């Protein structure tokens, strides 16, 4: 089972009235493009899973999320040190 499917099964989104939309980033250069697109969608928050690409770009992700005023929840505490919400 892939990571996306694990997250979708682990989170009782519908029971909480939430919609979970998995997004894919394949390279570090994709972050700015993705956040620009997300800013137009009026999302309520962002959950960032742990992966080598995500972990290597913690400060970048947290910085863009802050700039976009998008609350971000991360899989480890190091993101909070980098500027993520929790």
N, C-alpha and C. Protein backbone atom coordinates (compact mmCIF):
# COMPACT_ATOMS: atom_id res chain seq x y z
N UNK A 1 0.85 -1.17 0.00
CA UNK A 1 0.00 0.00 0.00
C UNK A 1 0.89 1.23 0.00
N UNK A 2 0.64 2.19 -0.87
CA UNK A 2 1.44 3.40 -0.97
C UNK A 2 1.18 4.36 0.17
N UNK A 3 2.04 5.34 0.32
CA UNK A 3 1.94 6.31 1.40
C UNK A 3 0.64 7.08 1.35
N UNK A 4 0.22 7.50 0.17
CA UNK A 4 -1.03 8.25 0.05
C UNK A 4 -2.21 7.44 0.57
N UNK A 5 -2.27 6.18 0.20
CA UNK A 5 -3.38 5.34 0.64
C UNK A 5 -3.35 5.13 2.15
N UNK A 6 -2.16 5.00 2.72
CA UNK A 6 -2.04 4.82 4.17
C UNK A 6 -2.60 6.04 4.89
N UNK A 7 -2.27 7.22 4.44
CA UNK A 7 -2.74 8.44 5.09
C UNK A 7 -4.25 8.55 4.96
N UNK A 8 -4.76 8.31 3.77
CA UNK A 8 -6.20 8.43 3.57
C UNK A 8 -6.98 7.45 4.42
N UNK A 9 -6.44 6.25 4.66
CA UNK A 9 -7.12 5.28 5.50
C UNK A 9 -6.96 5.61 6.99
N UNK A 10 -5.86 6.24 7.37
CA UNK A 10 -5.59 6.52 8.76
C UNK A 10 -6.38 7.73 9.27
N UNK A 11 -6.76 8.63 8.40
CA UNK A 11 -7.44 9.86 8.79
C UNK A 11 -8.94 9.71 8.54
N UNK A 12 -9.75 9.83 9.60
CA UNK A 12 -11.19 9.73 9.42
C UNK A 12 -11.76 11.06 8.93
N UNK A 13 -11.33 11.49 7.76
CA UNK A 13 -11.66 12.81 7.24
C UNK A 13 -13.16 13.04 7.13
N UNK A 14 -13.86 12.11 6.54
CA UNK A 14 -15.30 12.31 6.36
C UNK A 14 -16.03 12.45 7.68
N UNK A 15 -15.60 11.68 8.67
CA UNK A 15 -16.24 11.75 9.98
C UNK A 15 -16.04 13.13 10.62
N UNK A 16 -14.97 13.79 10.24
CA UNK A 16 -14.68 15.12 10.78
C UNK A 16 -15.17 16.24 9.87
N UNK A 17 -15.77 15.88 8.75
CA UNK A 17 -16.25 16.89 7.81
C UNK A 17 -15.13 17.49 6.98
N UNK A 18 -14.04 16.76 6.82
CA UNK A 18 -12.89 17.25 6.07
C UNK A 18 -12.78 16.54 4.73
N UNK A 19 -12.16 17.20 3.81
CA UNK A 19 -11.83 16.60 2.53
C UNK A 19 -10.31 16.51 2.45
N UNK A 20 -9.80 15.32 2.22
CA UNK A 20 -8.36 15.11 2.09
C UNK A 20 -8.05 15.01 0.61
N UNK A 21 -7.10 15.81 0.20
CA UNK A 21 -6.70 15.80 -1.21
C UNK A 21 -5.20 15.58 -1.28
N UNK A 22 -4.78 14.39 -1.70
CA UNK A 22 -3.34 14.14 -1.80
C UNK A 22 -2.72 14.93 -2.95
N UNK A 23 -1.56 15.48 -2.69
CA UNK A 23 -0.82 16.24 -3.70
C UNK A 23 0.57 15.64 -3.82
N UNK A 24 1.10 15.65 -4.99
CA UNK A 24 2.39 15.00 -5.23
C UNK A 24 3.45 16.03 -5.62
N UNK A 25 4.60 15.90 -4.97
CA UNK A 25 5.77 16.71 -5.29
C UNK A 25 6.89 15.74 -5.62
N UNK A 26 7.46 15.89 -6.80
CA UNK A 26 8.51 14.98 -7.22
C UNK A 26 9.91 15.58 -7.13
N UNK A 27 10.00 16.90 -7.09
CA UNK A 27 11.30 17.56 -7.04
C UNK A 27 11.18 18.86 -6.25
N UNK A 28 12.29 19.33 -5.72
CA UNK A 28 12.30 20.54 -4.90
C UNK A 28 11.76 21.75 -5.66
N UNK A 29 11.93 21.77 -6.96
CA UNK A 29 11.45 22.90 -7.76
C UNK A 29 9.93 22.94 -7.86
N UNK A 30 9.25 21.89 -7.46
CA UNK A 30 7.79 21.83 -7.55
C UNK A 30 7.08 22.58 -6.42
N UNK A 31 7.78 22.89 -5.33
CA UNK A 31 7.12 23.48 -4.16
C UNK A 31 6.47 24.83 -4.46
N UNK A 32 7.20 25.74 -5.07
CA UNK A 32 6.66 27.07 -5.34
C UNK A 32 5.44 26.98 -6.25
N UNK A 33 5.53 26.16 -7.30
CA UNK A 33 4.41 26.00 -8.23
C UNK A 33 3.19 25.43 -7.52
N UNK A 34 3.41 24.43 -6.68
CA UNK A 34 2.32 23.80 -5.96
C UNK A 34 1.66 24.78 -5.00
N UNK A 35 2.44 25.50 -4.23
CA UNK A 35 1.87 26.45 -3.27
C UNK A 35 1.15 27.59 -3.98
N UNK A 36 1.64 28.01 -5.13
CA UNK A 36 0.96 29.06 -5.90
C UNK A 36 -0.43 28.57 -6.33
N UNK A 37 -0.50 27.33 -6.78
CA UNK A 37 -1.79 26.75 -7.17
C UNK A 37 -2.70 26.57 -5.96
N UNK A 38 -2.13 26.14 -4.84
CA UNK A 38 -2.93 25.93 -3.63
C UNK A 38 -3.50 27.24 -3.08
N UNK A 39 -2.76 28.32 -3.21
CA UNK A 39 -3.22 29.60 -2.66
C UNK A 39 -4.51 30.06 -3.32
N UNK A 40 -4.78 29.61 -4.52
CA UNK A 40 -6.01 29.98 -5.23
C UNK A 40 -7.20 29.11 -4.82
N UNK A 41 -6.92 28.02 -4.11
CA UNK A 41 -7.98 27.07 -3.75
C UNK A 41 -8.57 27.30 -2.37
N UNK A 42 -8.03 28.21 -1.60
CA UNK A 42 -8.54 28.53 -0.27
C UNK A 42 -8.61 27.31 0.63
N UNK A 43 -7.51 26.62 0.76
CA UNK A 43 -7.43 25.45 1.64
C UNK A 43 -7.40 25.90 3.09
N UNK A 44 -7.85 25.01 3.97
CA UNK A 44 -7.85 25.31 5.40
C UNK A 44 -6.56 24.89 6.08
N UNK A 45 -5.82 23.97 5.49
CA UNK A 45 -4.58 23.51 6.12
C UNK A 45 -3.84 22.54 5.23
N UNK A 46 -2.66 22.19 5.69
CA UNK A 46 -1.76 21.32 4.93
C UNK A 46 -1.13 20.32 5.88
N UNK A 47 -1.15 19.05 5.51
CA UNK A 47 -0.45 18.02 6.26
C UNK A 47 0.69 17.52 5.40
N UNK A 48 1.91 17.63 5.90
CA UNK A 48 3.10 17.24 5.15
C UNK A 48 3.62 15.92 5.71
N UNK A 49 3.67 14.90 4.86
CA UNK A 49 4.19 13.60 5.29
C UNK A 49 5.71 13.62 5.30
N UNK A 50 6.28 12.68 5.98
CA UNK A 50 7.73 12.55 6.05
C UNK A 50 8.23 11.74 4.85
N UNK A 51 9.22 12.29 4.17
CA UNK A 51 9.88 11.60 3.07
C UNK A 51 11.25 12.26 2.90
N UNK A 52 12.17 11.63 2.23
CA UNK A 52 13.48 12.26 2.05
C UNK A 52 13.38 13.65 1.39
N UNK A 53 12.52 13.79 0.38
CA UNK A 53 12.37 15.08 -0.29
C UNK A 53 11.78 16.13 0.65
N UNK A 54 10.75 15.76 1.39
CA UNK A 54 10.11 16.69 2.32
C UNK A 54 11.07 17.08 3.45
N UNK A 55 11.75 16.10 4.00
CA UNK A 55 12.66 16.37 5.11
C UNK A 55 13.82 17.26 4.68
N UNK A 56 14.30 17.10 3.46
CA UNK A 56 15.41 17.93 2.97
C UNK A 56 14.97 19.37 2.70
N UNK A 57 13.66 19.60 2.63
CA UNK A 57 13.13 20.93 2.30
C UNK A 57 12.23 21.49 3.39
N UNK A 58 12.49 21.11 4.64
CA UNK A 58 11.64 21.55 5.76
C UNK A 58 11.51 23.06 5.84
N UNK A 59 12.62 23.76 5.82
CA UNK A 59 12.57 25.22 5.94
C UNK A 59 11.85 25.85 4.76
N UNK A 60 12.08 25.32 3.59
CA UNK A 60 11.43 25.83 2.39
C UNK A 60 9.91 25.65 2.48
N UNK A 61 9.47 24.46 2.86
CA UNK A 61 8.04 24.18 2.97
C UNK A 61 7.40 25.06 4.04
N UNK A 62 8.03 25.13 5.20
CA UNK A 62 7.49 25.95 6.29
C UNK A 62 7.44 27.42 5.89
N UNK A 63 8.47 27.91 5.22
CA UNK A 63 8.52 29.31 4.79
C UNK A 63 7.43 29.64 3.79
N UNK A 64 7.24 28.76 2.82
CA UNK A 64 6.21 29.00 1.81
C UNK A 64 4.82 28.91 2.45
N UNK A 65 4.63 27.96 3.36
CA UNK A 65 3.34 27.83 4.04
C UNK A 65 3.04 29.09 4.86
N UNK A 66 4.04 29.60 5.57
CA UNK A 66 3.84 30.84 6.33
C UNK A 66 3.51 32.01 5.41
N UNK A 67 4.25 32.14 4.34
CA UNK A 67 4.01 33.22 3.37
C UNK A 67 2.61 33.11 2.77
N UNK A 68 2.16 31.89 2.55
CA UNK A 68 0.84 31.64 1.97
C UNK A 68 -0.28 31.69 3.02
N UNK A 69 0.11 31.86 4.28
CA UNK A 69 -0.84 31.88 5.40
C UNK A 69 -1.66 30.58 5.45
N UNK A 70 -0.96 29.48 5.21
CA UNK A 70 -1.57 28.16 5.19
C UNK A 70 -1.07 27.37 6.40
N UNK A 71 -1.93 27.12 7.40
CA UNK A 71 -1.50 26.34 8.56
C UNK A 71 -1.00 24.98 8.11
N UNK A 72 0.14 24.58 8.66
CA UNK A 72 0.73 23.31 8.23
C UNK A 72 1.02 22.41 9.42
N UNK A 73 0.64 21.15 9.25
CA UNK A 73 0.88 20.11 10.25
C UNK A 73 1.89 19.16 9.62
N UNK A 74 2.87 18.78 10.42
CA UNK A 74 3.97 17.98 9.89
C UNK A 74 4.15 16.71 10.69
N UNK A 75 4.85 15.78 10.10
CA UNK A 75 5.01 14.46 10.70
C UNK A 75 6.08 14.40 11.77
N UNK A 76 6.89 15.44 11.91
CA UNK A 76 7.88 15.44 12.99
C UNK A 76 8.13 16.85 13.49
N UNK A 77 8.65 16.95 14.70
CA UNK A 77 8.85 18.22 15.36
C UNK A 77 9.88 19.13 14.73
N UNK A 78 10.75 18.59 13.91
CA UNK A 78 11.77 19.43 13.27
C UNK A 78 11.14 20.48 12.36
N UNK A 79 9.99 20.19 11.80
CA UNK A 79 9.30 21.17 10.97
C UNK A 79 8.86 22.38 11.79
N UNK A 80 8.47 22.14 13.03
CA UNK A 80 8.07 23.25 13.91
C UNK A 80 9.26 24.17 14.14
N UNK A 81 10.42 23.58 14.36
CA UNK A 81 11.64 24.37 14.52
C UNK A 81 11.94 25.17 13.26
N UNK A 82 11.54 24.64 12.11
CA UNK A 82 11.77 25.31 10.83
C UNK A 82 10.71 26.36 10.53
N UNK A 83 9.63 26.39 11.34
CA UNK A 83 8.57 27.40 11.15
C UNK A 83 7.18 26.85 10.91
N UNK A 84 7.03 25.52 10.87
CA UNK A 84 5.71 24.93 10.68
C UNK A 84 4.85 25.12 11.92
N UNK A 85 3.54 25.07 11.73
CA UNK A 85 2.61 25.29 12.84
C UNK A 85 2.71 24.21 13.92
N UNK A 86 2.59 22.95 13.51
CA UNK A 86 2.70 21.85 14.48
C UNK A 86 3.04 20.56 13.79
